[in-house]
Amino acid sequence: MNTWQESLSEKERRLLVEKEPPAWVEPMLATLTDDRFSDPDWIFERKLDGERCLTFGDGEALRLMSRNEKQLNVHYPDLEAALATLEPEQFILDGEIVAFEGDVTSFSRLQQRMHIQNQEEAQQSDVKVYYYLFDLIYLDGYDTSQLPLRVRKSLLKRVFAYADPLRYMAHRNEVGASYFDEACERGWEGIIAKDGTQGYVNGRSRKWLKFKCVNQQELVIGGYTDPHGERIGFGALLLGYYAANELQYAGKVGTGFDDDTLRRLHQRLQALERETPPFATEDLPTSEVHWVAPRLVAEIGFEEWTEDKKLRQPRFLGLRSDKDARQVVKEEPA
């Protein structure tokens, strides 16, 4: 029996499943809620504004994988090198890759690493990234997903050694409401509430909940407008989300771009141009508009949704490559 197994109770050891390491595990996802609660059975973690990453170690190779099964090793060779030093050799870890602007995680800054396609260029980047680990799904030949979350996190903290760029995701017990207030005061995106008594499930669950301080979600790019004045590339992006398998128009965003982003994104949009709008709705701009195939996903911050389901005061934060466009829906509190 491994040392870490000896630390478990007999009941907990019976929850372990001996098996070969799986090639893929669908990540557990949190559900948005407006109910800010405290509960002694729940733990509360800081919500990070980054890229979800599952790491698969089989004793021979390491695979850093996005939530839609894209390998991320080339983007984050520094994280791969740090993970390669870990013991034991067989594991599946769940966490979030982030970059910081001051004390706040910044998806916009992480963009400068996410889209690098050359390992040497990524190694030379001045954008430091960190990998916050918050769950342990597999260890030393055993599926640990049925263990309660508090037990999984205890193993995660004790079995692995942490030094930058690898960080253990700390949590608070019970005090969700006050921690949420503190998170908003500190300028964080919010917190994640997790039922500490439950196992790890695949897909979206109400056993993990999002308490958001700011409005932010993925939206699909369905078109763009011409630039005016000294603006280069394009004027604004036309955005949407899927409902009943149809792309619904959610408004446009024209802020949050620097010249380099305008230039690079315009090139990608030109390659996707089409004659007809991809949106099912009719209240669309009609002049100086270029329609595109709805394949690119943008992360958008905004003030609120209007009564007619349009974005108020949206701002572009970056492109996402870890979510398929057809999976983008309007995120609403459960």
C-alpha atoms as a PDB file:
ATOM      1  CA  MET A   1       0.000   0.000   0.000  1.00  0.00           C
ATOM      2  CA  ASN A   2       1.302   3.448  -0.945  1.00  0.00           C
ATOM      3  CA  THR A   3       1.945   5.954   1.829  1.00  0.00           C
ATOM      4  CA  TRP A   4      -0.817   8.256   0.597  1.00  0.00           C
ATOM      5  CA  GLN A   5      -3.323   5.361   0.748  1.00  0.00           C
ATOM      6  CA  GLU A   6      -2.415   4.723   4.365  1.00  0.00           C
ATOM      7  CA  SER A   7      -3.544   8.261   5.189  1.00  0.00           C
ATOM      8  CA  LEU A   8      -7.087   7.418   4.031  1.00  0.00           C
ATOM      9  CA  SER A   9      -9.767   5.848   6.155  1.00  0.00           C
ATOM     10  CA  GLU A  10     -10.984   2.356   5.299  1.00  0.00           C
ATOM     11  CA  LYS A  11     -14.190   3.851   3.899  1.00  0.00           C
ATOM     12  CA  GLU A  12     -12.194   6.251   1.703  1.00  0.00           C
ATOM     13  CA  ARG A  13      -9.904   3.485   0.416  1.00  0.00           C
ATOM     14  CA  ARG A  14     -12.970   1.568  -0.747  1.00  0.00           C
ATOM     15  CA  LEU A  15     -13.807   4.520  -3.002  1.00  0.00           C
ATOM     16  CA  LEU A  16     -10.545   4.128  -4.942  1.00  0.00           C
ATOM     17  CA  VAL A  17     -10.830   2.346  -8.303  1.00  0.00           C
ATOM     18  CA  GLU A  18      -7.725   0.553  -9.565  1.00  0.00           C
ATOM     19  CA  LYS A  19      -7.370   1.091 -13.324  1.00  0.00           C
ATOM     20  CA  GLU A  20      -5.031   2.168 -16.092  1.00  0.00           C
ATOM     21  CA  PRO A  21      -4.735   5.955 -16.529  1.00  0.00           C
ATOM     22  CA  PRO A  22      -7.429   7.160 -18.949  1.00  0.00           C
ATOM     23  CA  ALA A  23      -6.476   9.051 -22.090  1.00  0.00           C
ATOM     24  CA  TRP A  24      -9.065  11.742 -21.374  1.00  0.00           C
ATOM     25  CA  VAL A  25     -11.327  12.952 -18.557  1.00  0.00           C
ATOM     26  CA  GLU A  26     -14.100  15.455 -19.249  1.00  0.00           C
ATOM     27  CA  PRO A  27     -13.554  18.304 -16.773  1.00  0.00           C
ATOM     28  CA  MET A  28     -16.070  19.188 -14.086  1.00  0.00           C
ATOM     29  CA  LEU A  29     -17.655  22.598 -14.755  1.00  0.00           C
ATOM     30  CA  ALA A  30     -19.327  25.083 -12.432  1.00  0.00           C
ATOM     31  CA  THR A  31     -22.839  26.507 -12.780  1.00  0.00           C
ATOM     32  CA  LEU A  32     -23.523  30.242 -12.443  1.00  0.00           C
ATOM     33  CA  THR A  33     -25.689  31.303  -9.498  1.00  0.00           C
ATOM     34  CA  ASP A  34     -26.831  34.529  -7.846  1.00  0.00           C
ATOM     35  CA  ASP A  35     -27.187  32.795  -4.467  1.00  0.00           C
ATOM     36  CA  ARG A  36     -24.166  33.814  -2.345  1.00  0.00           C
ATOM     37  CA  PHE A  37     -24.288  31.405   0.564  1.00  0.00           C
ATOM     38  CA  SER A  38     -22.165  29.992   3.367  1.00  0.00           C
ATOM     39  CA  ASP A  39     -22.244  26.296   4.255  1.00  0.00           C
ATOM     40  CA  PRO A  40     -20.011  24.126   6.476  1.00  0.00           C
ATOM     41  CA  ASP A  41     -20.033  21.331   3.864  1.00  0.00           C
ATOM     42  CA  TRP A  42     -18.717  23.616   1.114  1.00  0.00           C
ATOM     43  CA  ILE A  43     -15.317  25.096   0.291  1.00  0.00           C
ATOM     44  CA  PHE A  44     -14.708  28.371  -1.542  1.00  0.00           C
ATOM     45  CA  GLU A  45     -11.856  29.113  -3.960  1.00  0.00           C
ATOM     46  CA  ARG A  46     -10.801  32.258  -5.796  1.00  0.00           C
ATOM     47  CA  LYS A  47     -12.158  32.334  -9.371  1.00  0.00           C
ATOM     48  CA  LEU A  48      -9.226  32.711 -11.734  1.00  0.00           C
ATOM     49  CA  ASP A  49      -9.448  34.395 -15.134  1.00  0.00           C
ATOM     50  CA  GLY A  50      -7.300  32.030 -17.170  1.00  0.00           C
ATOM     51  CA  GLU A  51      -7.233  28.815 -19.196  1.00  0.00           C
ATOM     52  CA  ARG A  52      -8.466  25.515 -17.759  1.00  0.00           C
ATOM     53  CA  CYS A  53      -5.858  22.776 -17.999  1.00  0.00           C
ATOM     54  CA  LEU A  54      -5.850  19.059 -17.142  1.00  0.00           C
ATOM     55  CA  THR A  55      -2.410  17.429 -16.897  1.00  0.00           C
ATOM     56  CA  PHE A  56      -2.006  13.733 -17.678  1.00  0.00           C
ATOM     57  CA  GLY A  57       1.168  12.030 -16.473  1.00  0.00           C
ATOM     58  CA  ASP A  58       1.606   8.329 -17.274  1.00  0.00           C
ATOM     59  CA  GLY A  59       5.221   7.843 -16.210  1.00  0.00           C
ATOM     60  CA  GLU A  60       6.568   8.367 -19.722  1.00  0.00           C
ATOM     61  CA  ALA A  61       5.070  11.589 -21.032  1.00  0.00           C
ATOM     62  CA  LEU A  62       3.152  14.646 -19.857  1.00  0.00           C
ATOM     63  CA  ARG A  63       0.159  16.063 -21.678  1.00  0.00           C
ATOM     64  CA  LEU A  64      -1.255  19.474 -20.804  1.00  0.00           C
ATOM     65  CA  MET A  65      -4.794  19.490 -22.220  1.00  0.00           C
ATOM     66  CA  SER A  66      -7.428  22.205 -22.619  1.00  0.00           C
ATOM     67  CA  ARG A  67     -11.059  21.584 -21.749  1.00  0.00           C
ATOM     68  CA  ASN A  68     -11.782  20.774 -25.426  1.00  0.00           C
ATOM     69  CA  GLU A  69      -8.894  18.256 -25.710  1.00  0.00           C
ATOM     70  CA  LYS A  70      -6.287  20.474 -27.362  1.00  0.00           C
ATOM     71  CA  GLN A  71      -2.705  19.858 -26.253  1.00  0.00           C
ATOM     72  CA  LEU A  72      -1.095  22.921 -24.661  1.00  0.00           C
ATOM     73  CA  ASN A  73       2.517  21.793 -24.135  1.00  0.00           C
ATOM     74  CA  VAL A  74       3.932  24.017 -26.890  1.00  0.00           C
ATOM     75  CA  HIS A  75       2.332  27.112 -25.337  1.00  0.00           C
ATOM     76  CA  TYR A  76       3.607  26.432 -21.813  1.00  0.00           C
ATOM     77  CA  PRO A  77       6.983  24.640 -21.916  1.00  0.00           C
ATOM     78  CA  ASP A  78       7.906  26.181 -18.538  1.00  0.00           C
ATOM     79  CA  LEU A  79       4.899  24.501 -16.932  1.00  0.00           C
ATOM     80  CA  GLU A  80       5.701  21.197 -18.609  1.00  0.00           C
ATOM     81  CA  ALA A  81       9.253  21.351 -17.248  1.00  0.00           C
ATOM     82  CA  ALA A  82       8.013  22.052 -13.719  1.00  0.00           C
ATOM     83  CA  LEU A  83       5.434  19.256 -13.865  1.00  0.00           C
ATOM     84  CA  ALA A  84       8.099  16.803 -15.054  1.00  0.00           C
ATOM     85  CA  THR A  85       9.868  17.161 -11.699  1.00  0.00           C
ATOM     86  CA  LEU A  86       6.848  15.996  -9.710  1.00  0.00           C
ATOM     87  CA  GLU A  87       6.550  12.708  -7.907  1.00  0.00           C
ATOM     88  CA  PRO A  88       4.732  10.367  -8.290  1.00  0.00           C
ATOM     89  CA  GLU A  89       4.828   9.789 -12.024  1.00  0.00           C
ATOM     90  CA  GLN A  90       1.207   8.733 -12.662  1.00  0.00           C
ATOM     91  CA  PHE A  91      -1.426  11.397 -12.076  1.00  0.00           C
ATOM     92  CA  ILE A  92      -4.217  13.475 -13.542  1.00  0.00           C
ATOM     93  CA  LEU A  93      -4.320  17.021 -12.188  1.00  0.00           C
ATOM     94  CA  ASP A  94      -6.939  19.695 -12.756  1.00  0.00           C
ATOM     95  CA  GLY A  95      -6.206  23.397 -12.565  1.00  0.00           C
ATOM     96  CA  GLU A  96      -6.069  26.817 -14.211  1.00  0.00           C
ATOM     97  CA  ILE A  97      -3.220  28.533 -16.061  1.00  0.00           C
ATOM     98  CA  VAL A  98      -3.076  32.274 -15.410  1.00  0.00           C
ATOM     99  CA  ALA A  99      -1.045  35.430 -15.956  1.00  0.00           C
ATOM    100  CA  PHE A 100      -1.215  38.464 -13.684  1.00  0.00           C
ATOM    101  CA  GLU A 101      -1.650  42.214 -14.022  1.00  0.00           C
ATOM    102  CA  GLY A 102      -0.610  43.315 -10.556  1.00  0.00           C
ATOM    103  CA  ASP A 103      -2.510  41.155  -8.084  1.00  0.00           C
ATOM    104  CA  VAL A 104      -5.342  40.297 -10.477  1.00  0.00           C
ATOM    105  CA  THR A 105      -5.369  37.464 -13.010  1.00  0.00           C
ATOM    106  CA  SER A 106      -5.645  38.814 -16.545  1.00  0.00           C
ATOM    107  CA  PHE A 107      -7.020  36.849 -19.467  1.00  0.00           C
ATOM    108  CA  SER A 108      -5.900  39.659 -21.790  1.00  0.00           C
ATOM    109  CA  ARG A 109      -2.287  39.253 -20.665  1.00  0.00           C
ATOM    110  CA  LEU A 110      -2.495  35.463 -20.904  1.00  0.00           C
ATOM    111  CA  GLN A 111      -3.460  35.947 -24.566  1.00  0.00           C
ATOM    112  CA  GLN A 112       0.185  36.759 -25.269  1.00  0.00           C
ATOM    113  CA  ARG A 113       1.091  33.176 -24.324  1.00  0.00           C
ATOM    114  CA  MET A 114      -2.034  31.276 -25.361  1.00  0.00           C
ATOM    115  CA  HIS A 115      -1.584  31.864 -29.057  1.00  0.00           C
ATOM    116  CA  ILE A 116       2.183  31.321 -29.347  1.00  0.00           C
ATOM    117  CA  GLN A 117       2.699  28.310 -31.600  1.00  0.00           C
ATOM    118  CA  ASN A 118       6.463  27.946 -31.185  1.00  0.00           C
ATOM    119  CA  GLN A 119       8.018  26.391 -28.080  1.00  0.00           C
ATOM    120  CA  GLU A 120      11.212  28.463 -28.239  1.00  0.00           C
ATOM    121  CA  GLU A 121       9.209  31.680 -28.607  1.00  0.00           C
ATOM    122  CA  ALA A 122       7.059  30.672 -25.628  1.00  0.00           C
ATOM    123  CA  GLN A 123      10.169  30.048 -23.517  1.00  0.00           C
ATOM    124  CA  GLN A 124      11.475  33.513 -24.351  1.00  0.00           C
ATOM    125  CA  SER A 125       8.180  35.296 -23.642  1.00  0.00           C
ATOM    126  CA  ASP A 126       8.236  37.860 -20.844  1.00  0.00           C
ATOM    127  CA  VAL A 127       4.686  36.867 -19.833  1.00  0.00           C
ATOM    128  CA  LYS A 128       5.060  34.716 -16.729  1.00  0.00           C
ATOM    129  CA  VAL A 129       2.376  32.109 -16.235  1.00  0.00           C
ATOM    130  CA  TYR A 130       1.375  30.085 -13.193  1.00  0.00           C
ATOM    131  CA  TYR A 131      -0.532  26.822 -12.888  1.00  0.00           C
ATOM    132  CA  TYR A 132      -2.959  26.727  -9.957  1.00  0.00           C
ATOM    133  CA  LEU A 133      -3.835  23.116  -9.109  1.00  0.00           C
ATOM    134  CA  PHE A 134      -7.197  22.500  -7.448  1.00  0.00           C
ATOM    135  CA  ASP A 135      -8.089  18.842  -8.000  1.00  0.00           C
ATOM    136  CA  LEU A 136      -6.627  15.346  -8.211  1.00  0.00           C
ATOM    137  CA  ILE A 137      -8.502  12.857 -10.405  1.00  0.00           C
ATOM    138  CA  TYR A 138      -6.001   9.979 -10.692  1.00  0.00           C
ATOM    139  CA  LEU A 139      -2.952   8.897  -8.699  1.00  0.00           C
ATOM    140  CA  ASP A 140      -0.544   5.939  -8.815  1.00  0.00           C
ATOM    141  CA  GLY A 141      -2.810   3.537 -10.662  1.00  0.00           C
ATOM    142  CA  TYR A 142      -6.037   4.593  -8.924  1.00  0.00           C
ATOM    143  CA  ASP A 143      -9.012   6.662  -9.985  1.00  0.00           C
ATOM    144  CA  THR A 144      -9.504   9.077  -7.069  1.00  0.00           C
ATOM    145  CA  SER A 145     -12.545  10.858  -8.495  1.00  0.00           C
ATOM    146  CA  GLN A 146     -15.036   9.227  -6.103  1.00  0.00           C
ATOM    147  CA  LEU A 147     -13.240  10.510  -3.010  1.00  0.00           C
ATOM    148  CA  PRO A 148     -14.833  13.576  -1.390  1.00  0.00           C
ATOM    149  CA  LEU A 149     -13.366  16.839  -2.659  1.00  0.00           C
ATOM    150  CA  ARG A 150     -11.801  17.719   0.699  1.00  0.00           C
ATOM    151  CA  VAL A 151      -9.939  14.386   0.669  1.00  0.00           C
ATOM    152  CA  ARG A 152      -8.787  14.882  -2.927  1.00  0.00           C
ATOM    153  CA  LYS A 153      -7.491  18.357  -2.106  1.00  0.00           C
ATOM    154  CA  SER A 154      -5.719  17.077   0.999  1.00  0.00           C
ATOM    155  CA  LEU A 155      -3.913  14.469  -1.126  1.00  0.00           C
ATOM    156  CA  LEU A 156      -3.152  17.080  -3.778  1.00  0.00           C
ATOM    157  CA  LYS A 157      -1.511  19.312  -1.181  1.00  0.00           C
ATOM    158  CA  ARG A 158       0.491  16.574   0.597  1.00  0.00           C
ATOM    159  CA  VAL A 159       1.627  14.339  -2.271  1.00  0.00           C
ATOM    160  CA  PHE A 160       2.993  17.024  -4.597  1.00  0.00           C
ATOM    161  CA  ALA A 161       5.706  19.643  -4.040  1.00  0.00           C
ATOM    162  CA  TYR A 162       4.903  23.238  -4.985  1.00  0.00           C
ATOM    163  CA  ALA A 163       7.242  25.928  -6.269  1.00  0.00           C
ATOM    164  CA  ASP A 164       6.549  28.579  -8.902  1.00  0.00           C
ATOM    165  CA  PRO A 165       5.186  28.253 -11.496  1.00  0.00           C
ATOM    166  CA  LEU A 166       3.154  25.476  -9.798  1.00  0.00           C
ATOM    167  CA  ARG A 167       0.804  26.645  -7.058  1.00  0.00           C
ATOM    168  CA  TYR A 168      -1.705  24.852  -4.852  1.00  0.00           C
ATOM    169  CA  MET A 169      -5.150  26.470  -4.923  1.00  0.00           C
ATOM    170  CA  ALA A 170      -5.966  27.396  -1.338  1.00  0.00           C
ATOM    171  CA  HIS A 171      -9.577  27.565  -0.183  1.00  0.00           C
ATOM    172  CA  ARG A 172     -11.726  28.760   2.665  1.00  0.00           C
ATOM    173  CA  ASN A 173     -14.217  26.647   4.541  1.00  0.00           C
ATOM    174  CA  GLU A 174     -17.881  27.572   5.089  1.00  0.00           C
ATOM    175  CA  VAL A 175     -17.700  31.394   4.744  1.00  0.00           C
ATOM    176  CA  GLY A 176     -18.820  31.823   1.134  1.00  0.00           C
ATOM    177  CA  ALA A 177     -20.844  35.020   1.501  1.00  0.00           C
ATOM    178  CA  SER A 178     -18.132  37.044   3.247  1.00  0.00           C
ATOM    179  CA  TYR A 179     -15.404  35.646   0.958  1.00  0.00           C
ATOM    180  CA  PHE A 180     -17.443  36.754  -2.058  1.00  0.00           C
ATOM    181  CA  ASP A 181     -17.668  40.296  -0.683  1.00  0.00           C
ATOM    182  CA  GLU A 182     -13.913  40.306  -0.104  1.00  0.00           C
ATOM    183  CA  ALA A 183     -13.252  39.004  -3.622  1.00  0.00           C
ATOM    184  CA  CYS A 184     -15.268  41.823  -5.179  1.00  0.00           C
ATOM    185  CA  GLU A 185     -13.502  44.442  -3.037  1.00  0.00           C
ATOM    186  CA  ARG A 186     -10.134  43.101  -4.220  1.00  0.00           C
ATOM    187  CA  GLY A 187     -11.106  43.287  -7.883  1.00  0.00           C
ATOM    188  CA  TRP A 188     -11.282  39.529  -8.475  1.00  0.00           C
ATOM    189  CA  GLU A 189     -13.641  37.939 -10.970  1.00  0.00           C
ATOM    190  CA  GLY A 190     -15.424  36.113  -8.157  1.00  0.00           C
ATOM    191  CA  ILE A 191     -15.193  32.822  -6.289  1.00  0.00           C
ATOM    192  CA  ILE A 192     -16.026  29.173  -6.961  1.00  0.00           C
ATOM    193  CA  ALA A 193     -18.143  27.327  -4.397  1.00  0.00           C
ATOM    194  CA  LYS A 194     -17.607  23.561  -4.252  1.00  0.00           C
ATOM    195  CA  ASP A 195     -19.381  20.887  -2.251  1.00  0.00           C
ATOM    196  CA  GLY A 196     -16.530  19.401  -0.243  1.00  0.00           C
ATOM    197  CA  THR A 197     -18.384  16.131   0.373  1.00  0.00           C
ATOM    198  CA  GLN A 198     -18.814  15.195  -3.286  1.00  0.00           C
ATOM    199  CA  GLY A 199     -16.821  13.300  -5.911  1.00  0.00           C
ATOM    200  CA  TYR A 200     -15.576  14.632  -9.247  1.00  0.00           C
ATOM    201  CA  VAL A 201     -18.194  14.387 -12.012  1.00  0.00           C
ATOM    202  CA  ASN A 202     -17.794  14.920 -15.738  1.00  0.00           C
ATOM    203  CA  GLY A 203     -19.453  17.995 -17.214  1.00  0.00           C
ATOM    204  CA  ARG A 204     -21.420  20.839 -15.673  1.00  0.00           C
ATOM    205  CA  SER A 205     -22.701  20.351 -12.151  1.00  0.00           C
ATOM    206  CA  ARG A 206     -24.518  22.229  -9.399  1.00  0.00           C
ATOM    207  CA  LYS A 207     -22.004  20.813  -6.920  1.00  0.00           C
ATOM    208  CA  TRP A 208     -19.609  23.496  -8.239  1.00  0.00           C
ATOM    209  CA  LEU A 209     -21.059  27.005  -8.427  1.00  0.00           C
ATOM    210  CA  LYS A 210     -19.776  30.360  -9.696  1.00  0.00           C
ATOM    211  CA  PHE A 211     -20.248  33.526  -7.634  1.00  0.00           C
ATOM    212  CA  LYS A 212     -19.299  36.289 -10.100  1.00  0.00           C
ATOM    213  CA  CYS A 213     -18.298  39.848  -9.186  1.00  0.00           C
ATOM    214  CA  VAL A 214     -18.112  40.860 -12.851  1.00  0.00           C
ATOM    215  CA  ASN A 215     -20.036  39.832 -15.949  1.00  0.00           C
ATOM    216  CA  GLN A 216     -17.882  37.922 -18.380  1.00  0.00           C
ATOM    217  CA  GLN A 217     -18.507  35.068 -20.811  1.00  0.00           C
ATOM    218  CA  GLU A 218     -17.592  33.565 -24.168  1.00  0.00           C
ATOM    219  CA  LEU A 219     -19.431  34.733 -27.297  1.00  0.00           C
ATOM    220  CA  VAL A 220     -19.196  33.735 -30.955  1.00  0.00           C
ATOM    221  CA  ILE A 221     -17.948  36.182 -33.596  1.00  0.00           C
ATOM    222  CA  GLY A 222     -20.376  36.296 -36.517  1.00  0.00           C
ATOM    223  CA  GLY A 223     -19.207  39.419 -38.343  1.00  0.00           C
ATOM    224  CA  TYR A 224     -17.326  42.717 -38.167  1.00  0.00           C
ATOM    225  CA  THR A 225     -17.743  46.319 -39.286  1.00  0.00           C
ATOM    226  CA  ASP A 226     -15.409  48.577 -41.256  1.00  0.00           C
ATOM    227  CA  PRO A 227     -13.020  50.853 -39.342  1.00  0.00           C
ATOM    228  CA  HIS A 228     -13.284  54.654 -39.361  1.00  0.00           C
ATOM    229  CA  GLY A 229     -10.765  57.437 -38.902  1.00  0.00           C
ATOM    230  CA  GLU A 230      -7.323  56.202 -37.868  1.00  0.00           C
ATOM    231  CA  ARG A 231      -8.638  52.833 -36.734  1.00  0.00           C
ATOM    232  CA  ILE A 232      -7.047  49.859 -38.498  1.00  0.00           C
ATOM    233  CA  GLY A 233      -8.391  46.377 -39.197  1.00  0.00           C
ATOM    234  CA  PHE A 234     -12.056  46.622 -38.228  1.00  0.00           C
ATOM    235  CA  GLY A 235     -14.439  48.783 -36.243  1.00  0.00           C
ATOM    236  CA  ALA A 236     -16.378  46.316 -34.089  1.00  0.00           C
ATOM    237  CA  LEU A 237     -17.107  42.606 -33.784  1.00  0.00           C
ATOM    238  CA  LEU A 238     -20.669  41.293 -34.077  1.00  0.00           C
ATOM    239  CA  LEU A 239     -21.303  38.729 -31.349  1.00  0.00           C
ATOM    240  CA  GLY A 240     -23.766  35.966 -30.628  1.00  0.00           C
ATOM    241  CA  TYR A 241     -24.602  32.843 -28.654  1.00  0.00           C
ATOM    242  CA  TYR A 242     -26.465  29.652 -29.481  1.00  0.00           C
ATOM    243  CA  ALA A 243     -30.039  28.949 -28.420  1.00  0.00           C
ATOM    244  CA  ALA A 244     -32.083  26.078 -29.900  1.00  0.00           C
ATOM    245  CA  ASN A 245     -29.146  25.408 -32.270  1.00  0.00           C
ATOM    246  CA  GLU A 246     -29.401  28.882 -33.787  1.00  0.00           C
ATOM    247  CA  LEU A 247     -26.969  31.779 -33.398  1.00  0.00           C
ATOM    248  CA  GLN A 248     -28.674  34.682 -31.654  1.00  0.00           C
ATOM    249  CA  TYR A 249     -27.337  38.222 -32.063  1.00  0.00           C
ATOM    250  CA  ALA A 250     -26.021  39.762 -28.819  1.00  0.00           C
ATOM    251  CA  GLY A 251     -24.693  43.112 -30.055  1.00  0.00           C
ATOM    252  CA  LYS A 252     -21.240  44.345 -30.991  1.00  0.00           C
ATOM    253  CA  VAL A 253     -18.012  45.210 -29.226  1.00  0.00           C
ATOM    254  CA  GLY A 254     -15.572  47.888 -30.354  1.00  0.00           C
ATOM    255  CA  THR A 255     -13.311  48.378 -27.322  1.00  0.00           C
ATOM    256  CA  GLY A 256     -10.488  46.368 -25.772  1.00  0.00           C
ATOM    257  CA  PHE A 257      -8.299  46.078 -28.881  1.00  0.00           C
ATOM    258  CA  ASP A 258      -4.746  47.255 -29.463  1.00  0.00           C
ATOM    259  CA  ASP A 259      -3.386  47.770 -32.981  1.00  0.00           C
ATOM    260  CA  ASP A 260      -1.633  44.398 -33.051  1.00  0.00           C
ATOM    261  CA  THR A 261      -4.855  42.586 -32.106  1.00  0.00           C
ATOM    262  CA  LEU A 262      -6.851  44.562 -34.682  1.00  0.00           C
ATOM    263  CA  ARG A 263      -4.353  43.613 -37.370  1.00  0.00           C
ATOM    264  CA  ARG A 264      -4.021  39.920 -36.529  1.00  0.00           C
ATOM    265  CA  LEU A 265      -7.707  39.319 -35.852  1.00  0.00           C
ATOM    266  CA  HIS A 266      -8.723  41.118 -39.050  1.00  0.00           C
ATOM    267  CA  GLN A 267      -6.584  38.690 -41.054  1.00  0.00           C
ATOM    268  CA  ARG A 268      -8.300  35.726 -39.451  1.00  0.00           C
ATOM    269  CA  LEU A 269     -11.744  37.230 -39.999  1.00  0.00           C
ATOM    270  CA  GLN A 270     -11.075  37.904 -43.675  1.00  0.00           C
ATOM    271  CA  ALA A 271     -10.330  34.205 -44.188  1.00  0.00           C
ATOM    272  CA  LEU A 272     -13.763  33.337 -42.736  1.00  0.00           C
ATOM    273  CA  GLU A 273     -15.900  35.803 -44.713  1.00  0.00           C
ATOM    274  CA  ARG A 274     -19.222  34.664 -46.170  1.00  0.00           C
ATOM    275  CA  GLU A 275     -22.067  36.333 -48.072  1.00  0.00           C
ATOM    276  CA  THR A 276     -24.917  35.823 -45.605  1.00  0.00           C
ATOM    277  CA  PRO A 277     -25.253  36.518 -41.870  1.00  0.00           C
ATOM    278  CA  PRO A 278     -24.848  33.475 -39.581  1.00  0.00           C
ATOM    279  CA  PHE A 279     -27.345  34.907 -37.083  1.00  0.00           C
ATOM    280  CA  ALA A 280     -30.932  33.682 -36.901  1.00  0.00           C
ATOM    281  CA  THR A 281     -32.228  37.011 -35.570  1.00  0.00           C
ATOM    282  CA  GLU A 282     -33.256  39.919 -37.815  1.00  0.00           C
ATOM    283  CA  ASP A 283     -32.218  42.991 -35.778  1.00  0.00           C
ATOM    284  CA  LEU A 284     -28.765  43.159 -37.359  1.00  0.00           C
ATOM    285  CA  PRO A 285     -26.577  46.030 -38.604  1.00  0.00           C
ATOM    286  CA  THR A 286     -26.924  46.406 -42.358  1.00  0.00           C
ATOM    287  CA  SER A 287     -24.186  48.823 -43.459  1.00  0.00           C
ATOM    288  CA  GLU A 288     -20.422  48.341 -43.654  1.00  0.00           C
ATOM    289  CA  VAL A 289     -20.756  44.799 -42.296  1.00  0.00           C
ATOM    290  CA  HIS A 290     -18.729  41.731 -43.230  1.00  0.00           C
ATOM    291  CA  TRP A 291     -20.255  38.399 -42.225  1.00  0.00           C
ATOM    292  CA  VAL A 292     -18.017  35.525 -41.163  1.00  0.00           C
ATOM    293  CA  ALA A 293     -18.412  31.825 -40.488  1.00  0.00           C
ATOM    294  CA  PRO A 294     -19.109  31.501 -36.737  1.00  0.00           C
ATOM    295  CA  ARG A 295     -15.960  29.668 -35.699  1.00  0.00           C
ATOM    296  CA  LEU A 296     -14.042  32.095 -33.482  1.00  0.00           C
ATOM    297  CA  VAL A 297     -14.905  32.477 -29.799  1.00  0.00           C
ATOM    298  CA  ALA A 298     -14.161  35.702 -27.910  1.00  0.00           C
ATOM    299  CA  GLU A 299     -14.030  36.311 -24.167  1.00  0.00           C
ATOM    300  CA  ILE A 300     -16.144  39.400 -23.462  1.00  0.00           C
ATOM    301  CA  GLY A 301     -16.579  41.482 -20.320  1.00  0.00           C
ATOM    302  CA  PHE A 302     -19.712  43.606 -20.039  1.00  0.00           C
ATOM    303  CA  GLU A 303     -21.853  45.638 -17.650  1.00  0.00           C
ATOM    304  CA  GLU A 304     -25.108  43.696 -18.016  1.00  0.00           C
ATOM    305  CA  TRP A 305     -27.609  42.133 -20.403  1.00  0.00           C
ATOM    306  CA  THR A 306     -30.326  44.509 -21.622  1.00  0.00           C
ATOM    307  CA  GLU A 307     -34.013  43.557 -21.691  1.00  0.00           C
ATOM    308  CA  ASP A 308     -33.717  42.687 -25.394  1.00  0.00           C
ATOM    309  CA  LYS A 309     -30.764  40.340 -24.624  1.00  0.00           C
ATOM    310  CA  LYS A 310     -27.987  42.594 -25.892  1.00  0.00           C
ATOM    311  CA  LEU A 311     -24.709  43.414 -24.200  1.00  0.00           C
ATOM    312  CA  ARG A 312     -24.340  46.724 -22.385  1.00  0.00           C
ATOM    313  CA  GLN A 313     -20.852  48.280 -22.385  1.00  0.00           C
ATOM    314  CA  PRO A 314     -19.009  45.203 -23.723  1.00  0.00           C
ATOM    315  CA  ARG A 315     -15.205  45.017 -23.947  1.00  0.00           C
ATOM    316  CA  PHE A 316     -13.051  42.501 -25.775  1.00  0.00           C
ATOM    317  CA  LEU A 317     -10.711  40.492 -23.528  1.00  0.00           C
ATOM    318  CA  GLY A 318      -9.264  38.002 -26.006  1.00  0.00           C
ATOM    319  CA  LEU A 319      -9.887  34.973 -28.197  1.00  0.00           C
ATOM    320  CA  ARG A 320     -10.535  31.547 -26.689  1.00  0.00           C
ATOM    321  CA  SER A 321      -9.215  28.412 -28.363  1.00  0.00           C
ATOM    322  CA  ASP A 322     -10.410  26.067 -25.611  1.00  0.00           C
ATOM    323  CA  LYS A 323     -14.126  26.128 -26.368  1.00  0.00           C
ATOM    324  CA  ASP A 324     -15.985  25.159 -29.546  1.00  0.00           C
ATOM    325  CA  ALA A 325     -18.282  27.829 -30.967  1.00  0.00           C
ATOM    326  CA  ARG A 326     -21.318  25.516 -30.994  1.00  0.00           C
ATOM    327  CA  GLN A 327     -21.031  25.111 -27.214  1.00  0.00           C
ATOM    328  CA  VAL A 328     -21.407  28.839 -26.506  1.00  0.00           C
ATOM    329  CA  VAL A 329     -24.728  29.670 -24.861  1.00  0.00           C
ATOM    330  CA  LYS A 330     -26.002  32.642 -22.866  1.00  0.00           C
ATOM    331  CA  GLU A 331     -24.857  31.996 -19.329  1.00  0.00           C
ATOM    332  CA  GLU A 332     -27.685  32.608 -16.889  1.00  0.00           C
ATOM    333  CA  PRO A 333     -27.943  31.967 -13.134  1.00  0.00           C
ATOM    334  CA  ALA A 334     -29.511  28.624 -12.302  1.00  0.00           C
END
